[in-house]
PDB file of all heavy atoms in Angstrom:
ATOM      1  N   ALA A   1     -14.209   5.153 -10.135  1.00  0.00           N
ATOM      2  CA  ALA A   1     -14.274   6.480 -10.789  1.00  0.00           C
ATOM      3  C   ALA A   1     -15.694   6.922 -10.946  1.00  0.00           C
ATOM      4  O   ALA A   1     -15.987   8.111 -10.992  1.00  0.00           O
ATOM      5  CB  ALA A   1     -13.573   6.417 -12.138  1.00  0.00           C
ATOM      6  N   ASP A   2     -16.611   5.975 -10.989  1.00  0.00           N
ATOM      7  CA  ASP A   2     -18.038   6.253 -11.187  1.00  0.00           C
ATOM      8  C   ASP A   2     -18.680   6.942  -9.977  1.00  0.00           C
ATOM      9  O   ASP A   2     -19.787   7.485 -10.100  1.00  0.00           O
ATOM     10  CB  ASP A   2     -18.791   4.972 -11.491  1.00  0.00           C
ATOM     11  CG  ASP A   2     -18.493   3.851 -10.475  1.00  0.00           C
ATOM     12  OD1 ASP A   2     -17.344   3.379 -10.439  1.00  0.00           O
ATOM     13  OD2 ASP A   2     -19.390   3.494  -9.731  1.00  0.00           O
ATOM     14  N   VAL A   3     -18.041   6.915  -8.798  1.00  0.00           N
ATOM     15  CA  VAL A   3     -18.608   7.649  -7.662  1.00  0.00           C
ATOM     16  C   VAL A   3     -17.653   8.662  -7.059  1.00  0.00           C
ATOM     17  O   VAL A   3     -17.969   9.323  -6.078  1.00  0.00           O
ATOM     18  CB  VAL A   3     -19.130   6.664  -6.529  1.00  0.00           C
ATOM     19  CG1 VAL A   3     -20.232   5.776  -7.044  1.00  0.00           C
ATOM     20  CG2 VAL A   3     -17.963   5.843  -5.976  1.00  0.00           C
ATOM     21  N   SER A   4     -16.471   8.815  -7.635  1.00  0.00           N
ATOM     22  CA  SER A   4     -15.451   9.552  -6.934  1.00  0.00           C
ATOM     23  C   SER A   4     -15.256  11.009  -7.473  1.00  0.00           C
ATOM     24  O   SER A   4     -15.665  11.307  -8.596  1.00  0.00           O
ATOM     25  CB  SER A   4     -14.084   8.861  -7.041  1.00  0.00           C
ATOM     26  OG  SER A   4     -13.493   9.141  -8.310  1.00  0.00           O
ATOM     27  N   GLN A   5     -14.569  11.829  -6.671  1.00  0.00           N
ATOM     28  CA  GLN A   5     -14.239  13.185  -7.143  1.00  0.00           C
ATOM     29  C   GLN A   5     -12.812  13.260  -7.618  1.00  0.00           C
ATOM     30  O   GLN A   5     -12.149  14.275  -7.571  1.00  0.00           O
ATOM     31  CB  GLN A   5     -14.551  14.221  -6.060  1.00  0.00           C
ATOM     32  CG  GLN A   5     -14.055  13.916  -4.653  1.00  0.00           C
ATOM     33  CD  GLN A   5     -14.412  15.049  -3.703  1.00  0.00           C
ATOM     34  OE1 GLN A   5     -14.623  16.196  -4.122  1.00  0.00           O
ATOM     35  NE2 GLN A   5     -14.461  14.744  -2.441  1.00  0.00           N
ATOM     36  N   PHE A   6     -12.320  12.111  -8.161  1.00  0.00           N
ATOM     37  CA  PHE A   6     -10.954  12.006  -8.634  1.00  0.00           C
ATOM     38  C   PHE A   6     -10.929  11.882 -10.163  1.00  0.00           C
ATOM     39  O   PHE A   6     -11.774  11.173 -10.741  1.00  0.00           O
ATOM     40  CB  PHE A   6     -10.260  10.746  -8.090  1.00  0.00           C
ATOM     41  CG  PHE A   6      -9.723  10.903  -6.728  1.00  0.00           C
ATOM     42  CD1 PHE A   6     -10.562  11.105  -5.638  1.00  0.00           C
ATOM     43  CD2 PHE A   6      -8.363  10.840  -6.465  1.00  0.00           C
ATOM     44  CE1 PHE A   6     -10.064  11.227  -4.342  1.00  0.00           C
ATOM     45  CE2 PHE A   6      -7.847  10.962  -5.190  1.00  0.00           C
ATOM     46  CZ  PHE A   6      -8.699  11.142  -4.108  1.00  0.00           C
ATOM     47  N   VAL A   7      -9.923  12.440 -10.788  1.00  0.00           N
ATOM     48  CA  VAL A   7      -9.607  12.166 -12.179  1.00  0.00           C
ATOM     49  C   VAL A   7      -8.073  11.988 -12.238  1.00  0.00           C
ATOM     50  O   VAL A   7      -7.361  12.868 -11.753  1.00  0.00           O
ATOM     51  CB  VAL A   7      -9.956  13.352 -13.125  1.00  0.00           C
ATOM     52  CG1 VAL A   7      -9.713  12.982 -14.578  1.00  0.00           C
ATOM     53  CG2 VAL A   7     -11.363  13.844 -12.904  1.00  0.00           C
ATOM     54  N   ILE A   8      -7.620  10.882 -12.818  1.00  0.00           N
ATOM     55  CA  ILE A   8      -6.179  10.669 -12.884  1.00  0.00           C
ATOM     56  C   ILE A   8      -5.804  10.514 -14.383  1.00  0.00           C
ATOM     57  O   ILE A   8      -6.331   9.655 -15.055  1.00  0.00           O
ATOM     58  CB  ILE A   8      -5.728   9.362 -12.173  1.00  0.00           C
ATOM     59  CG1 ILE A   8      -6.384   9.280 -10.768  1.00  0.00           C
ATOM     60  CG2 ILE A   8      -4.233   9.276 -12.108  1.00  0.00           C
ATOM     61  CD1 ILE A   8      -5.934  10.266  -9.769  1.00  0.00           C
ATOM     62  N   ILE A   9      -4.934  11.413 -14.871  1.00  0.00           N
ATOM     63  CA  ILE A   9      -4.542  11.437 -16.278  1.00  0.00           C
ATOM     64  C   ILE A   9      -3.017  11.292 -16.409  1.00  0.00           C
ATOM     65  O   ILE A   9      -2.278  11.765 -15.589  1.00  0.00           O
ATOM     66  CB  ILE A   9      -5.034  12.758 -16.940  1.00  0.00           C
ATOM     67  CG1 ILE A   9      -6.570  12.900 -16.814  1.00  0.00           C
ATOM     68  CG2 ILE A   9      -4.584  12.815 -18.411  1.00  0.00           C
ATOM     69  CD1 ILE A   9      -7.380  11.873 -17.580  1.00  0.00           C
ATOM     70  N   SER A  10      -2.633  10.603 -17.495  1.00  0.00           N
ATOM     71  CA  SER A  10      -1.176  10.430 -17.740  1.00  0.00           C
ATOM     72  C   SER A  10      -0.689  11.490 -18.702  1.00  0.00           C
ATOM     73  O   SER A  10      -1.322  11.755 -19.720  1.00  0.00           O
ATOM     74  CB  SER A  10      -0.921   9.069 -18.404  1.00  0.00           C
ATOM     75  OG  SER A  10      -0.708   8.111 -17.420  1.00  0.00           O
ATOM     76  N   ASP A  11       0.486  12.030 -18.357  1.00  0.00           N
ATOM     77  CA  ASP A  11       1.205  12.906 -19.290  1.00  0.00           C
ATOM     78  C   ASP A  11       2.414  12.137 -19.752  1.00  0.00           C
ATOM     79  O   ASP A  11       3.394  12.034 -19.058  1.00  0.00           O
ATOM     80  CB  ASP A  11       1.599  14.202 -18.540  1.00  0.00           C
ATOM     81  CG  ASP A  11       2.360  15.174 -19.427  1.00  0.00           C
ATOM     82  OD1 ASP A  11       2.835  14.746 -20.494  1.00  0.00           O
ATOM     83  OD2 ASP A  11       2.438  16.363 -19.068  1.00  0.00           O
ATOM     84  N   GLN A  12       2.289  11.498 -20.950  1.00  0.00           N
ATOM     85  CA  GLN A  12       3.334  10.640 -21.406  1.00  0.00           C
ATOM     86  C   GLN A  12       4.606  11.339 -21.799  1.00  0.00           C
ATOM     87  O   GLN A  12       5.685  10.740 -21.758  1.00  0.00           O
ATOM     88  CB  GLN A  12       2.816   9.776 -22.572  1.00  0.00           C
ATOM     89  CG  GLN A  12       1.930   8.628 -22.163  1.00  0.00           C
ATOM     90  CD  GLN A  12       2.588   7.670 -21.156  1.00  0.00           C
ATOM     91  OE1 GLN A  12       2.287   7.702 -19.978  1.00  0.00           O
ATOM     92  NE2 GLN A  12       3.494   6.856 -21.600  1.00  0.00           N
ATOM     93  N   GLN A  13       4.510  12.653 -22.137  1.00  0.00           N
ATOM     94  CA  GLN A  13       5.709  13.421 -22.431  1.00  0.00           C
ATOM     95  C   GLN A  13       6.593  13.467 -21.154  1.00  0.00           C
ATOM     96  O   GLN A  13       7.778  13.236 -21.193  1.00  0.00           O
ATOM     97  CB  GLN A  13       5.359  14.844 -22.849  1.00  0.00           C
ATOM     98  CG  GLN A  13       5.217  15.055 -24.336  1.00  0.00           C
ATOM     99  CD  GLN A  13       3.985  14.316 -24.883  1.00  0.00           C
ATOM    100  OE1 GLN A  13       2.893  14.488 -24.364  1.00  0.00           O
ATOM    101  NE2 GLN A  13       4.151  13.540 -25.916  1.00  0.00           N
ATOM    102  N   GLU A  14       5.965  13.788 -20.059  1.00  0.00           N
ATOM    103  CA  GLU A  14       6.688  13.939 -18.803  1.00  0.00           C
ATOM    104  C   GLU A  14       6.823  12.655 -18.006  1.00  0.00           C
ATOM    105  O   GLU A  14       7.470  12.602 -16.948  1.00  0.00           O
ATOM    106  CB  GLU A  14       5.966  14.973 -17.902  1.00  0.00           C
ATOM    107  CG  GLU A  14       5.841  16.366 -18.508  1.00  0.00           C
ATOM    108  CD  GLU A  14       7.160  17.083 -18.603  1.00  0.00           C
ATOM    109  OE1 GLU A  14       8.011  16.919 -17.697  1.00  0.00           O
ATOM    110  OE2 GLU A  14       7.370  17.799 -19.586  1.00  0.00           O
ATOM    111  N   LYS A  15       6.153  11.581 -18.516  1.00  0.00           N
ATOM    112  CA  LYS A  15       6.103  10.279 -17.809  1.00  0.00           C
ATOM    113  C   LYS A  15       5.574  10.403 -16.401  1.00  0.00           C
ATOM    114  O   LYS A  15       6.090   9.817 -15.445  1.00  0.00           O
ATOM    115  CB  LYS A  15       7.531   9.657 -17.775  1.00  0.00           C
ATOM    116  CG  LYS A  15       7.908   8.916 -19.041  1.00  0.00           C
ATOM    117  CD  LYS A  15       9.216   8.190 -18.878  1.00  0.00           C
ATOM    118  CE  LYS A  15       9.202   6.733 -19.227  1.00  0.00           C
ATOM    119  NZ  LYS A  15       8.964   6.288 -20.514  1.00  0.00           N
ATOM    120  N   VAL A  16       4.550  11.235 -16.217  1.00  0.00           N
ATOM    121  CA  VAL A  16       3.916  11.361 -14.914  1.00  0.00           C
ATOM    122  C   VAL A  16       2.392  11.244 -15.054  1.00  0.00           C
ATOM    123  O   VAL A  16       1.834  11.438 -16.131  1.00  0.00           O
ATOM    124  CB  VAL A  16       4.220  12.714 -14.236  1.00  0.00           C
ATOM    125  CG1 VAL A  16       5.680  12.833 -13.870  1.00  0.00           C
ATOM    126  CG2 VAL A  16       3.776  13.880 -15.106  1.00  0.00           C
ATOM    127  N   LYS A  17       1.773  10.905 -13.894  1.00  0.00           N
ATOM    128  CA  LYS A  17       0.309  10.959 -13.817  1.00  0.00           C
ATOM    129  C   LYS A  17      -0.019  12.138 -12.962  1.00  0.00           C
ATOM    130  O   LYS A  17       0.707  12.422 -11.989  1.00  0.00           O
ATOM    131  CB  LYS A  17      -0.208   9.692 -13.150  1.00  0.00           C
ATOM    132  CG  LYS A  17      -0.353   8.506 -14.044  1.00  0.00           C
ATOM    133  CD  LYS A  17      -0.911   7.327 -13.214  1.00  0.00           C
ATOM    134  CE  LYS A  17      -1.769   6.488 -14.127  1.00  0.00           C
ATOM    135  NZ  LYS A  17      -2.436   5.414 -13.406  1.00  0.00           N
ATOM    136  N   PHE A  18      -1.079  12.857 -13.300  1.00  0.00           N
ATOM    137  CA  PHE A  18      -1.475  13.935 -12.410  1.00  0.00           C
ATOM    138  C   PHE A  18      -2.912  13.775 -11.990  1.00  0.00           C
ATOM    139  O   PHE A  18      -3.720  13.125 -12.676  1.00  0.00           O
ATOM    140  CB  PHE A  18      -1.210  15.320 -13.034  1.00  0.00           C
ATOM    141  CG  PHE A  18      -1.974  15.579 -14.282  1.00  0.00           C
ATOM    142  CD1 PHE A  18      -3.198  16.256 -14.271  1.00  0.00           C
ATOM    143  CD2 PHE A  18      -1.444  15.203 -15.532  1.00  0.00           C
ATOM    144  CE1 PHE A  18      -3.895  16.547 -15.417  1.00  0.00           C
ATOM    145  CE2 PHE A  18      -2.149  15.476 -16.693  1.00  0.00           C
ATOM    146  CZ  PHE A  18      -3.343  16.158 -16.636  1.00  0.00           C
ATOM    147  N   SER A  19      -3.242  14.265 -10.764  1.00  0.00           N
ATOM    148  CA  SER A  19      -4.546  14.090 -10.186  1.00  0.00           C
ATOM    149  C   SER A  19      -5.334  15.370 -10.215  1.00  0.00           C
ATOM    150  O   SER A  19      -4.767  16.458 -10.008  1.00  0.00           O
ATOM    151  CB  SER A  19      -4.446  13.687  -8.703  1.00  0.00           C
ATOM    152  OG  SER A  19      -3.616  12.549  -8.607  1.00  0.00           O
ATOM    153  N   ILE A  20      -6.594  15.283 -10.527  1.00  0.00           N
ATOM    154  CA  ILE A  20      -7.540  16.403 -10.386  1.00  0.00           C
ATOM    155  C   ILE A  20      -8.591  15.962  -9.391  1.00  0.00           C
ATOM    156  O   ILE A  20      -9.174  14.863  -9.539  1.00  0.00           O
ATOM    157  CB  ILE A  20      -8.215  16.735 -11.742  1.00  0.00           C
ATOM    158  CG1 ILE A  20      -7.112  17.092 -12.783  1.00  0.00           C
ATOM    159  CG2 ILE A  20      -9.229  17.836 -11.599  1.00  0.00           C
ATOM    160  CD1 ILE A  20      -7.628  17.162 -14.220  1.00  0.00           C
ATOM    161  N   ILE A  21      -8.777  16.696  -8.320  1.00  0.00           N
ATOM    162  CA  ILE A  21      -9.759  16.325  -7.294  1.00  0.00           C
ATOM    163  C   ILE A  21     -10.732  17.483  -7.138  1.00  0.00           C
ATOM    164  O   ILE A  21     -10.327  18.576  -6.813  1.00  0.00           O
ATOM    165  CB  ILE A  21      -9.062  16.036  -5.952  1.00  0.00           C
ATOM    166  CG1 ILE A  21      -7.980  14.921  -6.125  1.00  0.00           C
ATOM    167  CG2 ILE A  21     -10.102  15.548  -4.910  1.00  0.00           C
ATOM    168  CD1 ILE A  21      -7.196  14.617  -4.853  1.00  0.00           C
ATOM    169  N   SER A  22     -11.995  17.208  -7.401  1.00  0.00           N
ATOM    170  CA  SER A  22     -13.000  18.251  -7.277  1.00  0.00           C
ATOM    171  C   SER A  22     -14.379  17.622  -7.265  1.00  0.00           C
ATOM    172  O   SER A  22     -14.620  16.646  -8.002  1.00  0.00           O
ATOM    173  CB  SER A  22     -12.918  19.200  -8.485  1.00  0.00           C
ATOM    174  OG  SER A  22     -14.111  19.991  -8.535  1.00  0.00           O
ATOM    175  N   LYS A  23     -15.300  18.166  -6.440  1.00  0.00           N
ATOM    176  CA  LYS A  23     -16.627  17.558  -6.437  1.00  0.00           C
ATOM    177  C   LYS A  23     -17.320  17.869  -7.757  1.00  0.00           C
ATOM    178  O   LYS A  23     -18.344  17.241  -8.082  1.00  0.00           O
ATOM    179  CB  LYS A  23     -17.434  17.957  -5.226  1.00  0.00           C
ATOM    180  CG  LYS A  23     -17.856  19.402  -5.152  1.00  0.00           C
ATOM    181  CD  LYS A  23     -18.865  19.525  -3.973  1.00  0.00           C
ATOM    182  CE  LYS A  23     -19.495  20.867  -4.035  1.00  0.00           C
ATOM    183  NZ  LYS A  23     -19.467  21.551  -2.761  1.00  0.00           N
ATOM    184  N   ALA A  24     -16.798  18.763  -8.590  1.00  0.00           N
ATOM    185  CA  ALA A  24     -17.351  19.041  -9.906  1.00  0.00           C
ATOM    186  C   ALA A  24     -17.249  17.796 -10.803  1.00  0.00           C
ATOM    187  O   ALA A  24     -17.975  17.720 -11.803  1.00  0.00           O
ATOM    188  CB  ALA A  24     -16.611  20.212 -10.567  1.00  0.00           C
ATOM    189  N   VAL A  25     -16.372  16.876 -10.523  1.00  0.00           N
ATOM    190  CA  VAL A  25     -16.238  15.694 -11.385  1.00  0.00           C
ATOM    191  C   VAL A  25     -16.929  14.448 -10.806  1.00  0.00           C
ATOM    192  O   VAL A  25     -16.780  13.336 -11.367  1.00  0.00           O
ATOM    193  CB  VAL A  25     -14.762  15.349 -11.742  1.00  0.00           C
ATOM    194  CG1 VAL A  25     -14.143  16.489 -12.526  1.00  0.00           C
ATOM    195  CG2 VAL A  25     -13.954  15.016 -10.487  1.00  0.00           C
ATOM    196  N   VAL A  26     -17.653  14.589  -9.690  1.00  0.00           N
ATOM    197  CA  VAL A  26     -18.481  13.468  -9.229  1.00  0.00           C
ATOM    198  C   VAL A  26     -19.563  13.303 -10.319  1.00  0.00           C
ATOM    199  O   VAL A  26     -20.307  14.267 -10.588  1.00  0.00           O
ATOM    200  CB  VAL A  26     -19.094  13.777  -7.880  1.00  0.00           C
ATOM    201  CG1 VAL A  26     -20.068  12.645  -7.450  1.00  0.00           C
ATOM    202  CG2 VAL A  26     -18.009  13.939  -6.794  1.00  0.00           C
ATOM    203  N   PRO A  27     -19.725  12.076 -10.864  1.00  0.00           N
ATOM    204  CA  PRO A  27     -20.735  11.913 -11.917  1.00  0.00           C
ATOM    205  C   PRO A  27     -22.121  12.255 -11.391  1.00  0.00           C
ATOM    206  O   PRO A  27     -22.365  12.218 -10.210  1.00  0.00           O
ATOM    207  CB  PRO A  27     -20.634  10.430 -12.278  1.00  0.00           C
ATOM    208  CG  PRO A  27     -19.230  10.063 -11.894  1.00  0.00           C
ATOM    209  CD  PRO A  27     -18.907  10.921 -10.689  1.00  0.00           C
ATOM    210  N   ASP A  28     -23.022  12.606 -12.316  1.00  0.00           N
ATOM    211  CA  ASP A  28     -24.436  12.880 -11.906  1.00  0.00           C
ATOM    212  C   ASP A  28     -25.129  11.595 -11.609  1.00  0.00           C
ATOM    213  O   ASP A  28     -25.903  11.519 -10.620  1.00  0.00           O
ATOM    214  CB  ASP A  28     -25.113  13.635 -13.029  1.00  0.00           C
ATOM    215  CG  ASP A  28     -24.488  14.988 -13.237  1.00  0.00           C
ATOM    216  OD1 ASP A  28     -24.744  15.889 -12.459  1.00  0.00           O
ATOM    217  OD2 ASP A  28     -23.670  15.137 -14.188  1.00  0.00           O
ATOM    218  N   VAL A  29     -24.935  10.580 -12.422  1.00  0.00           N
ATOM    219  CA  VAL A  29     -25.610   9.311 -12.236  1.00  0.00           C
ATOM    220  C   VAL A  29     -24.579   8.216 -12.477  1.00  0.00           C
ATOM    221  O   VAL A  29     -23.764   8.262 -13.378  1.00  0.00           O
ATOM    222  CB  VAL A  29     -26.776   9.145 -13.256  1.00  0.00           C
ATOM    223  CG1 VAL A  29     -27.381   7.756 -13.120  1.00  0.00           C
ATOM    224  CG2 VAL A  29     -27.863  10.210 -13.056  1.00  0.00           C
ATOM    225  N   SER A  30     -24.660   7.175 -11.608  1.00  0.00           N
ATOM    226  CA  SER A  30     -23.838   6.012 -11.768  1.00  0.00           C
ATOM    227  C   SER A  30     -24.720   4.791 -11.866  1.00  0.00           C
ATOM    228  O   SER A  30     -25.524   4.513 -10.921  1.00  0.00           O
ATOM    229  CB  SER A  30     -22.849   5.941 -10.572  1.00  0.00           C
ATOM    230  OG  SER A  30     -21.990   4.819 -10.740  1.00  0.00           O
ATOM    231  N   LEU A  31     -24.644   4.052 -12.951  1.00  0.00           N
ATOM    232  CA  LEU A  31     -25.462   2.870 -13.169  1.00  0.00           C
ATOM    233  C   LEU A  31     -24.538   1.653 -12.922  1.00  0.00           C
ATOM    234  O   LEU A  31     -23.712   1.326 -13.770  1.00  0.00           O
ATOM    235  CB  LEU A  31     -26.011   2.802 -14.594  1.00  0.00           C
ATOM    236  CG  LEU A  31     -26.826   4.035 -15.046  1.00  0.00           C
ATOM    237  CD1 LEU A  31     -27.163   3.948 -16.487  1.00  0.00           C
ATOM    238  CD2 LEU A  31     -28.059   4.206 -14.198  1.00  0.00           C
ATOM    239  N   ILE A  32     -24.631   1.052 -11.718  1.00  0.00           N
ATOM    240  CA  ILE A  32     -23.700   0.044 -11.303  1.00  0.00           C
ATOM    241  C   ILE A  32     -24.321  -1.331 -11.498  1.00  0.00           C
ATOM    242  O   ILE A  32     -25.225  -1.734 -10.755  1.00  0.00           O
ATOM    243  CB  ILE A  32     -23.246   0.303  -9.852  1.00  0.00           C
ATOM    244  CG1 ILE A  32     -22.636   1.679  -9.761  1.00  0.00           C
ATOM    245  CG2 ILE A  32     -22.271  -0.793  -9.395  1.00  0.00           C
ATOM    246  CD1 ILE A  32     -22.113   2.058  -8.368  1.00  0.00           C
TER     247      ILE A  32
END
């Protein structure tokens, strides 16, 4: 997740996971 353009979140009401894919969520800095 520290280098990716993915965000995966759980919606427990609906019992599903949903994906958000955007280069806007690529972190600025990753300290590995």
